[in-house]
Amino acid sequence: MTPNAATHAELVALHGDPRDELMEHLPALRAFAVSLTRNISDADDIVQDCIVKAWSNIEKFTPGTNLQAWLFTILRNTFFSRTRKRRREVADPDGIYAQRLSVAPAHDGKLAMADFQRAFDVLTPEHREVLILVGASGYSCEEAAVMMGVAVGTVKSRASRARNRLCELMGLKPGEDIMGGSNGISLAALAQAGNQAA
């Protein structure tokens, strides 16, 4: 047995087998995948691929560290690999696809959420990703940088540009709340959007 395998085995003995925890992270993985793909079927495929890759490469995970962050990294890499292979994006110039994902608003909150979802769908995958990780999932810029494989400064600038673009698409001033307040856009709505789609 190699020293690395022995170390991994010792960590598994100390912290438990991380494979036992994989199922607990499925809802968060699915919400993240839906936020990236904007397509439930594609999201499910990516989550399945992510779990298979994680299971097959579990010895590369260090037990006792952040399993969800490791899984998110695998998922985002799977998504971007698929995107590069396809070499195309689904065009939605008339917003027909985005409208199908929306719920008919019954009051101000639903109307604001529908506006938010339409604007969020227009963002690039990189902008949706950084808002989900830093805004909705609560990861620090440093943690997101590791998952995204970029510098911390890139995460910060990308998050800033994504928030500004979202404001622009929604007709808001930078920092203006989606509901008209002044506390900034509530990125918790991102998690809600992802969970509703999931």
Protein backbone atom coordinates (compact mmCIF):
# COMPACT_ATOMS: atom_id res chain seq x y z
CA MET A 1 0.00 0.00 0.00
CA THR A 2 1.40 3.39 -0.96
CA PRO A 3 1.89 6.13 1.64
CA ASN A 4 -0.87 8.19 0.00
CA ALA A 5 -3.29 5.26 0.13
CA ALA A 6 -2.38 4.62 3.76
CA THR A 7 -2.96 8.28 4.59
CA HIS A 8 -6.30 8.25 2.79
CA ALA A 9 -7.30 5.02 4.57
CA GLU A 10 -6.35 6.53 7.93
CA LEU A 11 -8.40 9.63 7.19
CA VAL A 12 -11.37 7.50 6.16
CA ALA A 13 -11.06 5.57 9.41
CA LEU A 14 -11.00 8.86 11.33
CA HIS A 15 -13.71 10.80 9.46
CA GLY A 16 -15.76 8.06 7.80
CA ASP A 17 -16.15 7.16 4.15
CA PRO A 18 -17.07 10.31 2.18
CA ARG A 19 -19.09 8.15 -0.24
CA ASP A 20 -21.64 7.75 2.57
CA GLU A 21 -22.27 11.53 2.42
CA LEU A 22 -22.72 11.89 -1.35
CA MET A 23 -26.52 11.60 -1.24
CA GLU A 24 -26.76 14.50 1.25
CA HIS A 25 -25.29 16.87 -1.34
CA LEU A 26 -27.57 15.93 -4.26
CA PRO A 27 -30.10 18.78 -3.74
CA ALA A 28 -27.35 21.44 -3.66
CA LEU A 29 -25.60 19.87 -6.65
CA ARG A 30 -28.83 19.75 -8.62
CA ALA A 31 -29.69 23.37 -7.81
CA PHE A 32 -26.18 24.44 -8.86
CA ALA A 33 -26.40 22.39 -12.09
CA VAL A 34 -29.81 23.88 -12.94
CA SER A 35 -28.43 27.38 -12.36
CA LEU A 36 -25.62 26.67 -14.83
CA THR A 37 -27.54 24.77 -17.51
CA ARG A 38 -31.02 26.32 -17.15
CA ASN A 39 -32.26 22.90 -18.27
CA ILE A 40 -33.42 20.27 -15.78
CA SER A 41 -32.63 17.29 -18.01
CA ASP A 42 -29.09 18.55 -18.73
CA ALA A 43 -28.64 19.36 -15.04
CA ASP A 44 -29.60 15.82 -14.03
CA ASP A 45 -27.12 14.40 -16.54
CA ILE A 46 -24.34 16.61 -15.18
CA VAL A 47 -25.14 15.71 -11.57
CA GLN A 48 -25.08 12.01 -12.50
CA ASP A 49 -21.70 12.43 -14.21
CA CYS A 50 -20.42 14.38 -11.20
CA ILE A 51 -21.42 11.62 -8.75
CA VAL A 52 -19.87 8.91 -10.95
CA LYS A 53 -16.62 10.89 -11.20
CA ALA A 54 -16.59 11.59 -7.47
CA TRP A 55 -17.22 7.91 -6.64
CA SER A 56 -14.54 6.75 -9.08
CA ASN A 57 -11.98 9.25 -7.78
CA ILE A 58 -12.88 9.29 -4.09
CA GLU A 59 -9.26 8.59 -3.15
CA LYS A 60 -8.42 12.07 -4.47
CA PHE A 61 -10.71 13.64 -1.84
CA THR A 62 -9.21 14.36 1.56
CA PRO A 63 -11.66 13.16 4.24
CA GLY A 64 -12.36 15.85 6.81
CA THR A 65 -12.30 18.66 4.24
CA ASN A 66 -15.26 20.30 2.45
CA LEU A 67 -16.92 17.55 0.41
CA GLN A 68 -19.55 19.88 -1.10
CA ALA A 69 -16.89 22.26 -2.39
CA TRP A 70 -15.05 19.30 -3.96
CA LEU A 71 -18.27 18.09 -5.60
CA PHE A 72 -19.10 21.59 -6.85
CA THR A 73 -15.66 21.74 -8.47
CA ILE A 74 -16.25 18.42 -10.25
CA LEU A 75 -19.71 19.54 -11.36
CA ARG A 76 -18.57 22.90 -12.76
CA ASN A 77 -15.67 21.25 -14.59
CA THR A 78 -18.10 18.72 -16.07
CA PHE A 79 -20.44 21.51 -17.17
CA PHE A 80 -17.71 23.55 -18.85
CA SER A 81 -16.22 20.45 -20.51
CA ARG A 82 -19.62 19.67 -22.00
CA THR A 83 -20.05 23.27 -23.10
CA ARG A 84 -16.69 23.25 -24.86
CA LYS A 85 -17.54 19.97 -26.60
CA ARG A 86 -20.88 21.23 -27.85
CA ARG A 87 -19.35 24.47 -29.15
CA ARG A 88 -22.74 26.05 -29.26
CA GLU A 89 -25.33 27.70 -27.06
CA VAL A 90 -29.07 27.39 -27.18
CA ALA A 91 -30.39 30.61 -28.68
CA ASP A 92 -33.40 32.16 -26.96
CA PRO A 93 -33.69 35.60 -28.59
CA ASP A 94 -37.42 35.86 -27.96
CA GLY A 95 -37.22 34.64 -24.36
CA ILE A 96 -39.61 31.75 -25.08
CA TYR A 97 -37.57 29.23 -23.10
CA ALA A 98 -37.11 31.63 -20.19
CA GLN A 99 -40.85 32.31 -20.11
CA ARG A 100 -41.58 28.61 -19.78
CA LEU A 101 -39.47 28.55 -16.60
CA SER A 102 -41.37 31.44 -15.07
CA VAL A 103 -44.43 31.26 -12.84
CA ALA A 104 -47.23 33.67 -13.64
CA PRO A 105 -46.97 36.41 -11.00
CA ALA A 106 -49.84 36.75 -8.57
CA HIS A 107 -48.37 39.59 -6.49
CA ASP A 108 -45.34 41.89 -6.27
CA GLY A 109 -43.02 39.23 -4.88
CA LYS A 110 -43.77 36.75 -7.66
CA LEU A 111 -43.49 39.50 -10.26
CA ALA A 112 -40.08 40.54 -8.92
CA MET A 113 -38.97 36.90 -8.82
CA ALA A 114 -40.10 36.35 -12.43
CA ASP A 115 -38.18 39.48 -13.48
CA PHE A 116 -35.16 38.19 -11.60
CA GLN A 117 -35.34 34.75 -13.22
CA ARG A 118 -35.58 36.21 -16.71
CA ALA A 119 -32.58 38.47 -16.07
CA PHE A 120 -30.61 35.64 -14.43
CA ASP A 121 -31.22 33.42 -17.47
CA VAL A 122 -29.61 36.05 -19.72
CA LEU A 123 -26.34 36.08 -17.73
CA THR A 124 -23.39 34.09 -19.03
CA PRO A 125 -22.72 30.71 -17.34
CA GLU A 126 -19.63 32.24 -15.69
CA HIS A 127 -21.71 35.05 -14.18
CA ARG A 128 -24.47 32.70 -13.02
CA GLU A 129 -21.84 30.43 -11.50
CA VAL A 130 -20.11 33.13 -9.47
CA LEU A 131 -23.41 34.54 -8.18
CA ILE A 132 -24.55 31.07 -7.11
CA LEU A 133 -21.28 30.24 -5.37
CA VAL A 134 -20.52 33.59 -3.71
CA GLY A 135 -24.04 34.97 -3.37
CA ALA A 136 -26.49 32.14 -2.85
CA SER A 137 -24.30 29.31 -1.52
CA GLY A 138 -22.32 31.56 0.79
CA TYR A 139 -18.84 30.51 -0.26
CA SER A 140 -16.07 33.04 0.25
CA CYS A 141 -14.29 34.45 -2.79
CA GLU A 142 -11.27 32.36 -1.79
CA GLU A 143 -13.32 29.14 -1.68
CA ALA A 144 -15.04 29.98 -4.97
CA ALA A 145 -11.66 30.69 -6.57
CA VAL A 146 -10.47 27.18 -5.68
CA MET A 147 -13.66 25.59 -7.05
CA MET A 148 -13.55 27.68 -10.23
CA GLY A 149 -9.80 27.29 -10.74
CA VAL A 150 -9.18 31.03 -11.03
CA ALA A 151 -7.51 33.76 -8.97
CA VAL A 152 -9.40 35.38 -6.09
CA GLY A 153 -9.24 38.72 -7.90
CA THR A 154 -10.95 37.14 -10.90
CA VAL A 155 -13.79 35.91 -8.67
CA LYS A 156 -14.22 39.36 -7.13
CA SER A 157 -14.24 41.19 -10.46
CA ARG A 158 -16.49 38.58 -12.07
CA ALA A 159 -18.95 38.81 -9.16
CA SER A 160 -18.98 42.60 -9.40
CA ARG A 161 -19.58 42.51 -13.15
CA ALA A 162 -22.28 39.87 -12.73
CA ARG A 163 -24.13 41.92 -10.09
CA ASN A 164 -23.88 45.06 -12.23
CA ARG A 165 -25.13 43.19 -15.30
CA LEU A 166 -28.03 41.75 -13.32
CA CYS A 167 -28.95 45.24 -12.12
CA GLU A 168 -28.74 46.54 -15.69
CA LEU A 169 -30.98 43.77 -17.01
CA MET A 170 -33.54 44.42 -14.30
CA GLY A 171 -33.45 48.19 -14.70
CA LEU A 172 -32.05 48.71 -11.20
CA LYS A 173 -29.35 51.03 -9.99
CA PRO A 174 -26.26 49.22 -8.62
CA GLY A 175 -27.05 48.21 -5.03
CA GLU A 176 -30.81 48.75 -5.40
CA ASP A 177 -32.86 45.90 -3.98
CA ILE A 178 -35.03 43.78 -6.25
CA MET A 179 -38.02 44.71 -4.10
CA GLY A 180 -37.19 48.43 -4.20
CA GLY A 181 -35.24 48.67 -0.96
CA SER A 182 -31.64 49.78 -0.54
CA ASN A 183 -29.95 46.71 0.91
CA GLY A 184 -28.62 45.39 -2.39
CA ILE A 185 -29.97 42.62 -4.58
CA SER A 186 -31.00 39.65 -2.49
CA LEU A 187 -28.88 36.85 -3.90
CA ALA A 188 -30.76 34.42 -1.69
CA ALA A 189 -33.30 34.50 -4.52
CA LEU A 190 -30.71 32.61 -6.58
CA ALA A 191 -30.88 29.64 -4.25
CA GLN A 192 -34.67 29.78 -4.26
CA ALA A 193 -34.71 29.87 -8.07
CA GLY A 194 -32.39 26.88 -8.26
CA ASN A 195 -34.32 24.91 -5.68
CA GLN A 196 -37.67 25.64 -7.35
CA ALA A 197 -36.29 24.46 -10.68
CA ALA A 198 -34.85 21.40 -9.00
